[in-house]
């Protein structure tokens, strides 16, 4: 079982073996030298995967199932397969409380433990860790969050955000609305209710560019942390009567927004959240009034996948689950498990590329840059049609950017995938990525790679 890491452990105080005069007896020198070598050598039996989790604070309802899914998949690999390539995995879990400062502290306290890849699970933490992980040579995977322009591998050598980004999400929402409205959004009124943070602001530029292209109207409604006060935003929505409301929310903000939408009788089928606003706990509190609410996604929903039978057998039933075992199949548990699967598959590729089972962070980066996920591979892993097929390259760290849509059924209390993973407007997104990553490169004196 992978054991959570709760912070830096205190080591016993060092003692001196010196004799009088500062001279070591030869026998003691040899013993001390051997012991020193053993202590300095990396643990050959571990592939170390840090987990910057938040099981406490206002966003714990989303952080807990993700962390459980991430941990349980690595435990499954250990218990069923003996690890990755025969090398056991070790999870280092460090609590951030979704706080940027604590997230950086977690990184600093775990990076020297043999960390292979970081999953910060926060856009704020991501922005702080991009230069740090790059300088330290440790890759970072910001799956469906973080800095979208990091998809440009020519500039961001150690940051990956496959299989999709917030800008893909924004475009995916507009493409879905185009399909639902006969390909014409001229005059269509869209309101964006967003978390007033770096995370919530990510889609704005993309939506503004798509507004120019498709002619819809766009109004922006920020919601301050943690998101419990939204009366004024929804009163404005009631006055302006937008055709569609998009939401970039997280934590309690989502629950409050769904309830406020129900209070003003806004049609739930016209209310679409980003993938961080589409979990069970976001809608359950509104009861039947949440029926029909939609959310974007880059992975499938439910527990009807063979991999969950294995997790039940090898992890939950043996008492090795990170949580109570009751989150399997829930949206954010699935997402954490999916992130762990992508990390494990990249580690396998790194082992193949470098011809060694005991890989380093540098080797892991190479594996992530050569990652290819096919439907055949997902099926073999017990995850058929769990996510889109995609590949990563030196130039493209963001994957294909395919986006699906899910919908909530309040009577059965389940999400369903109502739209397959479909392409997004890479003509618009690609230009924005090039512009933003180019500015970052100029500001930080970064020479493009992959030439």
Protein backbone atom coordinates (compact mmCIF):
# COMPACT_ATOMS: atom_id res chain seq x y z
CA UNK A 1 0.00 0.00 0.00
CA UNK A 2 1.25 3.46 -0.79
CA UNK A 3 1.69 5.44 2.42
CA UNK A 4 0.66 9.12 2.48
CA UNK A 5 3.44 11.59 3.19
CA UNK A 6 2.26 14.33 5.55
CA UNK A 7 5.30 16.58 5.44
CA UNK A 8 9.02 16.41 6.10
CA UNK A 9 9.87 13.82 8.74
CA UNK A 10 12.39 14.65 11.45
CA UNK A 11 15.56 12.63 11.23
CA UNK A 12 17.42 11.53 14.36
CA UNK A 13 20.26 13.78 15.40
CA UNK A 14 23.66 12.81 14.03
CA UNK A 15 26.26 11.57 16.49
CA UNK A 16 30.02 11.80 16.23
CA UNK A 17 32.21 8.71 16.03
CA UNK A 18 35.45 10.66 16.37
CA UNK A 19 38.17 9.38 18.73
CA UNK A 20 40.41 11.70 20.72
CA UNK A 21 42.56 13.77 18.40
CA UNK A 22 39.99 13.53 15.58
CA UNK A 23 41.39 10.27 14.15
CA UNK A 24 39.08 7.41 13.12
CA UNK A 25 40.22 3.81 13.68
CA UNK A 26 40.51 2.06 10.27
CA UNK A 27 37.76 -0.44 11.03
CA UNK A 28 35.39 2.33 12.05
CA UNK A 29 36.27 4.32 8.92
CA UNK A 30 35.30 1.39 6.69
CA UNK A 31 32.06 0.75 8.55
CA UNK A 32 31.19 4.45 8.51
CA UNK A 33 31.99 4.76 4.80
CA UNK A 34 29.80 1.80 3.91
CA UNK A 35 26.97 3.11 6.07
CA UNK A 36 27.32 6.51 4.45
CA UNK A 37 27.10 5.06 0.98
CA UNK A 38 24.02 3.08 1.95
CA UNK A 39 22.37 6.18 3.39
CA UNK A 40 23.23 8.31 0.36
CA UNK A 41 22.03 5.78 -2.19
CA UNK A 42 18.48 6.27 -3.48
CA UNK A 43 15.88 3.71 -2.49
CA UNK A 44 16.08 1.38 -5.46
CA UNK A 45 12.71 -0.16 -4.59
CA UNK A 46 10.66 3.01 -5.02
CA UNK A 47 9.26 5.07 -7.84
CA UNK A 48 8.22 8.21 -5.99
CA UNK A 49 5.06 10.10 -6.91
CA UNK A 50 4.24 13.19 -4.78
CA UNK A 51 0.60 14.11 -4.30
CA UNK A 52 -0.06 17.75 -3.38
CA UNK A 53 -3.49 17.17 -1.91
CA UNK A 54 -6.05 19.21 -0.03
CA UNK A 55 -8.13 17.14 2.31
CA UNK A 56 -8.82 20.20 4.47
CA UNK A 57 -10.18 23.69 3.83
CA UNK A 58 -13.03 25.05 1.70
CA UNK A 59 -12.15 22.92 -1.31
CA UNK A 60 -11.71 19.59 0.49
CA UNK A 61 -14.90 18.13 -1.00
CA UNK A 62 -13.14 18.09 -4.37
CA UNK A 63 -9.63 17.47 -3.12
CA UNK A 64 -10.37 14.31 -1.14
CA UNK A 65 -11.81 12.10 -3.92
CA UNK A 66 -9.09 13.17 -6.38
CA UNK A 67 -6.36 12.33 -3.85
CA UNK A 68 -8.03 8.99 -3.08
CA UNK A 69 -8.26 8.03 -6.76
CA UNK A 70 -4.64 9.03 -7.35
CA UNK A 71 -3.40 7.01 -4.37
CA UNK A 72 -5.58 3.96 -4.99
CA UNK A 73 -4.33 3.48 -8.55
CA UNK A 74 -0.70 3.36 -7.43
CA UNK A 75 -1.68 0.95 -4.65
CA UNK A 76 -3.40 -1.20 -7.29
CA UNK A 77 -0.21 -1.29 -9.34
CA UNK A 78 1.78 -2.36 -6.28
CA UNK A 79 -0.67 -5.02 -5.11
CA UNK A 80 -1.61 -6.47 -8.50
CA UNK A 81 1.48 -5.89 -10.64
CA UNK A 82 4.32 -5.45 -8.16
CA UNK A 83 4.61 -1.78 -9.13
CA UNK A 84 5.66 -0.34 -12.49
CA UNK A 85 8.04 -2.58 -14.40
CA UNK A 86 8.50 -4.56 -11.20
CA UNK A 87 9.51 -1.49 -9.15
CA UNK A 88 7.06 -0.57 -6.34
CA UNK A 89 5.61 2.93 -6.25
CA UNK A 90 5.65 5.23 -3.24
CA UNK A 91 3.19 8.06 -2.78
CA UNK A 92 4.31 11.20 -0.96
CA UNK A 93 1.17 13.06 0.04
CA UNK A 94 1.52 16.60 1.34
CA UNK A 95 -1.43 18.74 2.43
CA UNK A 96 -1.74 22.15 0.74
CA UNK A 97 -5.25 23.17 1.77
CA UNK A 98 -5.44 24.61 -1.78
CA UNK A 99 -3.11 27.33 -0.54
CA UNK A 100 -0.37 28.50 -2.90
CA UNK A 101 2.20 29.16 -0.19
CA UNK A 102 1.63 25.75 1.40
CA UNK A 103 1.81 24.15 -2.04
CA UNK A 104 5.26 25.62 -2.63
CA UNK A 105 6.32 24.45 0.84
CA UNK A 106 5.13 20.94 0.00
CA UNK A 107 7.16 21.00 -3.19
CA UNK A 108 10.30 22.14 -1.42
CA UNK A 109 9.90 19.51 1.31
CA UNK A 110 9.39 16.59 -1.07
CA UNK A 111 11.45 17.35 -4.17
CA UNK A 112 14.56 15.78 -2.66
CA UNK A 113 12.81 12.49 -1.93
CA UNK A 114 13.22 11.15 -5.46
CA UNK A 115 10.09 12.84 -6.85
CA UNK A 116 9.36 11.86 -10.46
CA UNK A 117 6.45 14.17 -11.33
CA UNK A 118 4.27 16.72 -9.53
CA UNK A 119 0.49 17.11 -9.72
CA UNK A 120 -0.11 20.48 -7.95
CA UNK A 121 -3.90 20.39 -8.45
CA UNK A 122 -4.06 24.19 -8.29
CA UNK A 123 -3.54 26.87 -10.92
CA UNK A 124 -2.02 29.22 -8.33
CA UNK A 125 0.49 26.61 -7.19
CA UNK A 126 1.20 25.71 -10.82
CA UNK A 127 2.23 29.27 -11.70
CA UNK A 128 4.66 29.31 -8.78
CA UNK A 129 6.13 25.90 -9.57
CA UNK A 130 6.72 26.32 -13.30
CA UNK A 131 10.11 28.05 -12.87
CA UNK A 132 11.03 25.93 -9.84
CA UNK A 133 10.34 22.54 -11.44
CA UNK A 134 12.13 23.63 -14.61
CA UNK A 135 15.22 24.70 -12.67
CA UNK A 136 15.16 21.49 -10.63
CA UNK A 137 14.61 19.27 -13.67
CA UNK A 138 11.39 17.71 -12.34
CA UNK A 139 8.36 17.43 -14.65
CA UNK A 140 4.94 18.71 -13.63
CA UNK A 141 1.57 17.54 -14.95
CA UNK A 142 -1.29 20.05 -14.68
CA UNK A 143 -4.07 17.94 -16.16
CA UNK A 144 -6.88 20.21 -17.31
CA UNK A 145 -5.73 23.20 -15.24
CA UNK A 146 -2.79 25.56 -14.76
CA UNK A 147 -1.14 27.73 -17.40
CA UNK A 148 -2.67 26.82 -20.75
CA UNK A 149 0.25 28.15 -22.81
CA UNK A 150 2.47 25.54 -21.14
CA UNK A 151 1.12 23.29 -23.88
CA UNK A 152 3.93 24.80 -25.95
CA UNK A 153 6.76 22.40 -25.16
CA UNK A 154 9.21 24.53 -27.11
CA UNK A 155 9.06 27.04 -24.25
CA UNK A 156 7.85 25.01 -21.26
CA UNK A 157 10.21 22.05 -21.14
CA UNK A 158 9.01 20.52 -17.87
CA UNK A 159 5.30 21.43 -17.71
CA UNK A 160 2.64 19.25 -19.34
CA UNK A 161 -1.13 19.79 -19.42
CA UNK A 162 -2.45 16.94 -21.57
CA UNK A 163 -5.05 15.83 -22.52
CA UNK A 164 -6.67 19.28 -22.51
CA UNK A 165 -6.60 22.82 -21.14
CA UNK A 166 -8.97 25.52 -19.94
CA UNK A 167 -8.81 27.13 -23.37
CA UNK A 168 -9.88 23.82 -24.89
CA UNK A 169 -12.70 23.81 -22.35
CA UNK A 170 -13.85 27.29 -23.34
CA UNK A 171 -13.78 26.36 -27.01
CA UNK A 172 -15.48 23.03 -26.29
CA UNK A 173 -18.36 24.84 -24.63
CA UNK A 174 -18.78 27.20 -27.59
CA UNK A 175 -18.57 24.33 -30.09
CA UNK A 176 -21.25 22.48 -28.15
CA UNK A 177 -23.47 25.58 -28.22
CA UNK A 178 -22.86 25.90 -31.95
CA UNK A 179 -24.07 22.34 -32.43
CA UNK A 180 -27.13 22.99 -30.28
CA UNK A 181 -27.97 26.21 -32.16
CA UNK A 182 -27.59 25.18 -35.77
CA UNK A 183 -24.06 26.56 -36.09
CA UNK A 184 -25.10 30.16 -35.42
CA UNK A 185 -24.46 32.06 -32.16
CA UNK A 186 -24.97 35.61 -33.45
CA UNK A 187 -26.82 37.53 -30.76
CA UNK A 188 -26.62 34.59 -28.33
CA UNK A 189 -26.08 35.93 -24.81
CA UNK A 190 -23.51 34.10 -22.69
CA UNK A 191 -22.65 34.92 -19.07
CA UNK A 192 -19.45 33.59 -17.51
CA UNK A 193 -19.65 33.12 -13.73
CA UNK A 194 -16.08 32.58 -12.62
CA UNK A 195 -13.93 32.13 -9.51
CA UNK A 196 -12.10 35.44 -9.12
CA UNK A 197 -8.62 33.91 -9.25
CA UNK A 198 -5.99 32.94 -11.81
CA UNK A 199 -7.95 29.72 -12.33
CA UNK A 200 -11.27 31.40 -12.97
CA UNK A 201 -9.80 34.01 -15.32
CA UNK A 202 -8.12 31.45 -17.60
CA UNK A 203 -10.97 31.10 -20.15
CA UNK A 204 -11.72 34.81 -20.56
CA UNK A 205 -9.25 35.62 -23.34
CA UNK A 206 -10.33 32.59 -25.35
CA UNK A 207 -14.00 33.42 -24.98
CA UNK A 208 -13.33 36.99 -26.07
CA UNK A 209 -11.57 35.78 -29.22
CA UNK A 210 -14.37 33.30 -29.94
CA UNK A 211 -16.88 36.11 -29.39
CA UNK A 212 -15.24 38.04 -32.23
CA UNK A 213 -15.42 34.97 -34.45
CA UNK A 214 -18.99 33.87 -33.72
CA UNK A 215 -20.79 37.07 -32.74
CA UNK A 216 -22.24 36.08 -29.36
CA UNK A 217 -22.54 38.52 -26.46
CA UNK A 218 -20.38 37.90 -23.39
CA UNK A 219 -20.77 39.20 -19.85
CA UNK A 220 -18.27 38.47 -17.07
CA UNK A 221 -19.38 37.87 -13.48
CA UNK A 222 -16.54 37.26 -10.98
CA UNK A 223 -17.20 35.52 -7.68
CA UNK A 224 -14.78 36.11 -4.80
CA UNK A 225 -13.26 33.25 -2.78
CA UNK A 226 -14.65 30.99 -1.45
CA UNK A 227 -17.85 31.65 -3.40
CA UNK A 228 -20.63 31.60 -0.84
CA UNK A 229 -21.88 35.08 -1.76
CA UNK A 230 -23.43 35.11 -5.25
CA UNK A 231 -26.77 36.87 -4.81
CA UNK A 232 -25.77 39.93 -6.84
CA UNK A 233 -24.39 37.87 -9.74
CA UNK A 234 -27.56 35.82 -10.08
CA UNK A 235 -29.80 38.86 -9.73
CA UNK A 236 -27.88 40.31 -12.69
CA UNK A 237 -28.41 37.06 -14.60
CA UNK A 238 -32.13 37.24 -13.84
CA UNK A 239 -32.23 40.83 -15.18
CA UNK A 240 -30.12 40.25 -18.29
CA UNK A 241 -31.59 36.83 -19.14
CA UNK A 242 -28.57 35.24 -20.89
CA UNK A 243 -29.27 32.27 -23.13
CA UNK A 244 -26.40 30.30 -21.57
CA UNK A 245 -24.44 30.51 -18.35
CA UNK A 246 -20.91 29.09 -18.27
CA UNK A 247 -19.18 28.52 -14.94
CA UNK A 248 -15.53 28.26 -13.91
CA UNK A 249 -16.06 27.40 -10.26
CA UNK A 250 -14.59 25.22 -7.54
CA UNK A 251 -15.59 24.02 -4.10
CA UNK A 252 -18.59 25.55 -2.38
CA UNK A 253 -18.90 28.09 -5.20
CA UNK A 254 -20.34 25.39 -7.45
CA UNK A 255 -23.00 24.26 -4.98
CA UNK A 256 -24.07 27.83 -4.29
CA UNK A 257 -24.24 28.65 -8.01
CA UNK A 258 -26.41 25.64 -8.83
CA UNK A 259 -28.74 26.50 -5.95
CA UNK A 260 -28.91 30.18 -6.97
CA UNK A 261 -29.66 29.16 -10.56
CA UNK A 262 -32.50 27.01 -9.26
CA UNK A 263 -33.76 29.88 -7.11
CA UNK A 264 -34.19 32.16 -10.13
CA UNK A 265 -35.47 29.23 -12.20
CA UNK A 266 -32.69 29.42 -14.73
CA UNK A 267 -32.98 26.41 -17.10
CA UNK A 268 -30.39 23.89 -15.94
CA UNK A 269 -29.89 22.51 -19.45
CA UNK A 270 -28.51 25.96 -20.38
CA UNK A 271 -26.07 26.00 -17.44
CA UNK A 272 -22.65 24.49 -18.30
CA UNK A 273 -19.71 24.19 -15.92
CA UNK A 274 -16.05 23.50 -16.60
CA UNK A 275 -14.82 20.04 -15.52
CA UNK A 276 -14.00 21.35 -12.02
CA UNK A 277 -17.66 22.32 -11.66
CA UNK A 278 -19.18 18.97 -12.55
CA UNK A 279 -18.91 16.51 -9.65
CA UNK A 280 -21.59 14.84 -7.56
CA UNK A 281 -21.15 17.10 -4.53
CA UNK A 282 -21.67 20.15 -6.76
CA UNK A 283 -25.28 19.21 -7.53
CA UNK A 284 -26.60 16.87 -4.84
CA UNK A 285 -27.49 19.63 -2.39
CA UNK A 286 -29.89 21.20 -4.91
CA UNK A 287 -31.87 17.96 -5.21
CA UNK A 288 -34.22 17.61 -8.16
CA UNK A 289 -33.72 21.27 -9.07
CA UNK A 290 -30.22 20.43 -10.36
CA UNK A 291 -31.59 18.01 -12.95
CA UNK A 292 -30.22 18.69 -16.44
CA UNK A 293 -27.16 20.67 -15.35
CA UNK A 294 -24.19 20.09 -17.68
CA UNK A 295 -20.43 20.04 -17.32
CA UNK A 296 -17.48 19.72 -19.67
CA UNK A 297 -15.10 16.79 -19.30
CA UNK A 298 -11.93 15.20 -20.68
CA UNK A 299 -12.66 11.74 -19.26
CA UNK A 300 -15.61 9.40 -18.86
CA UNK A 301 -17.93 9.04 -15.88
CA UNK A 302 -19.35 6.22 -13.76
CA UNK A 303 -17.79 3.01 -12.46
CA UNK A 304 -18.65 0.64 -15.33
CA UNK A 305 -15.00 -0.04 -16.16
CA UNK A 306 -13.01 -3.22 -15.42
CA UNK A 307 -10.24 -1.26 -13.68
CA UNK A 308 -12.63 -0.45 -10.84
CA UNK A 309 -13.29 -4.16 -10.25
CA UNK A 310 -9.54 -4.56 -9.76
CA UNK A 311 -9.37 -1.59 -7.40
CA UNK A 312 -12.23 -3.07 -5.40
CA UNK A 313 -10.52 -6.47 -5.23
CA UNK A 314 -6.89 -5.50 -4.63
CA UNK A 315 -7.25 -2.20 -2.80
CA UNK A 316 -10.64 -1.66 -1.14
CA UNK A 317 -11.44 -5.23 -0.07
CA UNK A 318 -7.95 -5.66 1.37
CA UNK A 319 -8.23 -2.53 3.48
CA UNK A 320 -5.57 -0.61 1.55
CA UNK A 321 -7.76 2.17 0.11
CA UNK A 322 -6.76 5.77 0.76
CA UNK A 323 -10.34 6.56 1.79
CA UNK A 324 -13.44 4.61 2.72
CA UNK A 325 -13.72 3.06 -0.75
CA UNK A 326 -17.10 4.66 -1.37
CA UNK A 327 -15.92 7.20 -3.94
CA UNK A 328 -15.14 4.75 -6.76
CA UNK A 329 -16.89 5.86 -9.93
CA UNK A 330 -17.45 9.42 -8.71
CA UNK A 331 -16.21 12.11 -11.06
CA UNK A 332 -13.22 13.38 -9.10
CA UNK A 333 -12.15 9.94 -7.90
CA UNK A 334 -12.11 8.90 -11.56
CA UNK A 335 -10.07 11.98 -12.43
CA UNK A 336 -7.46 11.26 -9.77
CA UNK A 337 -7.23 7.66 -10.92
CA UNK A 338 -6.92 8.80 -14.54
CA UNK A 339 -4.08 11.18 -13.61
CA UNK A 340 -2.26 8.33 -11.86
CA UNK A 341 -2.73 6.09 -14.89
CA UNK A 342 -1.21 8.71 -17.18
CA UNK A 343 1.74 9.10 -14.81
CA UNK A 344 2.25 5.34 -14.65
CA UNK A 345 2.11 4.94 -18.42
CA UNK A 346 4.67 7.73 -18.86
CA UNK A 347 6.91 5.98 -16.32
CA UNK A 348 6.67 2.74 -18.32
CA UNK A 349 7.73 4.58 -21.47
CA UNK A 350 10.59 6.22 -19.58
CA UNK A 351 11.77 2.77 -18.47
CA UNK A 352 11.66 1.55 -22.07
CA UNK A 353 13.43 4.60 -23.51
CA UNK A 354 16.28 4.50 -21.03
CA UNK A 355 16.54 0.75 -20.55
CA UNK A 356 16.26 0.89 -16.77
CA UNK A 357 13.49 0.28 -14.27
CA UNK A 358 14.83 2.76 -11.70
CA UNK A 359 14.11 5.98 -13.56
CA UNK A 360 14.98 9.55 -12.57
CA UNK A 361 12.90 12.71 -12.89
CA UNK A 362 14.78 13.58 -16.09
CA UNK A 363 13.91 10.18 -17.54
CA UNK A 364 10.29 10.61 -16.43
CA UNK A 365 10.14 13.88 -18.36
CA UNK A 366 11.28 12.04 -21.48
CA UNK A 367 8.57 9.44 -20.93
CA UNK A 368 5.90 12.12 -20.60
CA UNK A 369 7.07 13.79 -23.79
CA UNK A 370 6.80 10.47 -25.65
CA UNK A 371 3.45 9.46 -24.13
CA UNK A 372 0.84 8.05 -26.48
CA UNK A 373 -2.58 6.97 -25.23
CA UNK A 374 -4.62 4.89 -27.66
CA UNK A 375 -8.01 3.25 -27.29
CA UNK A 376 -6.26 -0.12 -27.45
CA UNK A 377 -4.02 0.84 -24.52
CA UNK A 378 -6.95 2.12 -22.46
CA UNK A 379 -8.89 -1.08 -23.14
CA UNK A 380 -5.93 -3.20 -22.08
CA UNK A 381 -5.77 -1.18 -18.84
CA UNK A 382 -9.43 -1.88 -18.12
CA UNK A 383 -10.49 1.63 -19.13
CA UNK A 384 -12.18 1.40 -22.55
CA UNK A 385 -13.27 4.83 -23.85
CA UNK A 386 -12.30 6.35 -20.52
CA UNK A 387 -10.66 9.32 -22.18
CA UNK A 388 -9.65 10.64 -25.60
CA UNK A 389 -6.79 9.13 -27.56
CA UNK A 390 -3.87 11.54 -27.71
CA UNK A 391 -0.12 11.80 -28.06
CA UNK A 392 2.51 14.16 -26.69
CA UNK A 393 5.61 15.52 -28.40
CA UNK A 394 8.47 17.93 -27.80
CA UNK A 395 6.42 20.73 -29.36
CA UNK A 396 3.01 19.76 -27.97
CA UNK A 397 2.65 19.13 -24.23
CA UNK A 398 -1.12 19.62 -24.28
CA UNK A 399 -2.38 16.66 -26.28
CA UNK A 400 -5.25 16.92 -28.73
CA UNK A 401 -7.56 19.04 -26.58
CA UNK A 402 -10.70 16.99 -27.18
CA UNK A 403 -13.66 17.91 -24.95
CA UNK A 404 -16.86 16.05 -24.04
CA UNK A 405 -20.05 17.10 -22.25
CA UNK A 406 -21.77 15.39 -19.32
CA UNK A 407 -25.25 15.89 -17.85
CA UNK A 408 -26.66 15.30 -14.39
CA UNK A 409 -29.71 13.10 -13.82
CA UNK A 410 -31.08 14.05 -10.41
CA UNK A 411 -33.42 11.06 -10.17
CA UNK A 412 -30.69 8.44 -10.58
CA UNK A 413 -28.01 10.71 -9.09
CA UNK A 414 -25.65 9.95 -11.95
CA UNK A 415 -23.68 11.76 -14.64
CA UNK A 416 -23.87 10.65 -18.28
CA UNK A 417 -21.58 11.47 -21.17
CA UNK A 418 -23.93 13.11 -23.69
CA UNK A 419 -21.30 14.27 -26.20
CA UNK A 420 -18.20 12.41 -27.31
CA UNK A 421 -14.73 13.91 -26.99
CA UNK A 422 -14.65 16.37 -29.88
CA UNK A 423 -12.08 18.75 -31.39
CA UNK A 424 -11.79 22.35 -30.22
CA UNK A 425 -10.87 25.48 -32.17
CA UNK A 426 -7.09 25.07 -32.33
CA UNK A 427 -6.84 27.89 -34.89
CA UNK A 428 -7.86 30.37 -32.17
CA UNK A 429 -6.24 28.50 -29.27
CA UNK A 430 -2.97 27.91 -31.11
CA UNK A 431 -2.50 31.63 -31.76
CA UNK A 432 -3.19 32.44 -28.10
CA UNK A 433 -0.75 29.77 -26.93
CA UNK A 434 1.96 31.08 -29.27
CA UNK A 435 1.39 34.65 -28.11
CA UNK A 436 1.36 33.91 -24.38
CA UNK A 437 4.23 31.42 -24.41
CA UNK A 438 6.25 33.81 -26.59
CA UNK A 439 5.80 36.57 -24.04
CA UNK A 440 6.83 34.21 -21.24
CA UNK A 441 9.94 33.17 -23.17
CA UNK A 442 10.94 36.80 -23.76
CA UNK A 443 10.38 37.79 -20.14
CA UNK A 444 12.43 34.85 -18.86
CA UNK A 445 15.13 34.72 -21.57
CA UNK A 446 14.12 31.23 -22.68
CA UNK A 447 15.37 29.93 -26.01
CA UNK A 448 12.94 27.71 -27.85
CA UNK A 449 13.80 24.04 -28.02
CA UNK A 450 12.68 21.17 -30.32
CA UNK A 451 14.60 22.68 -33.28
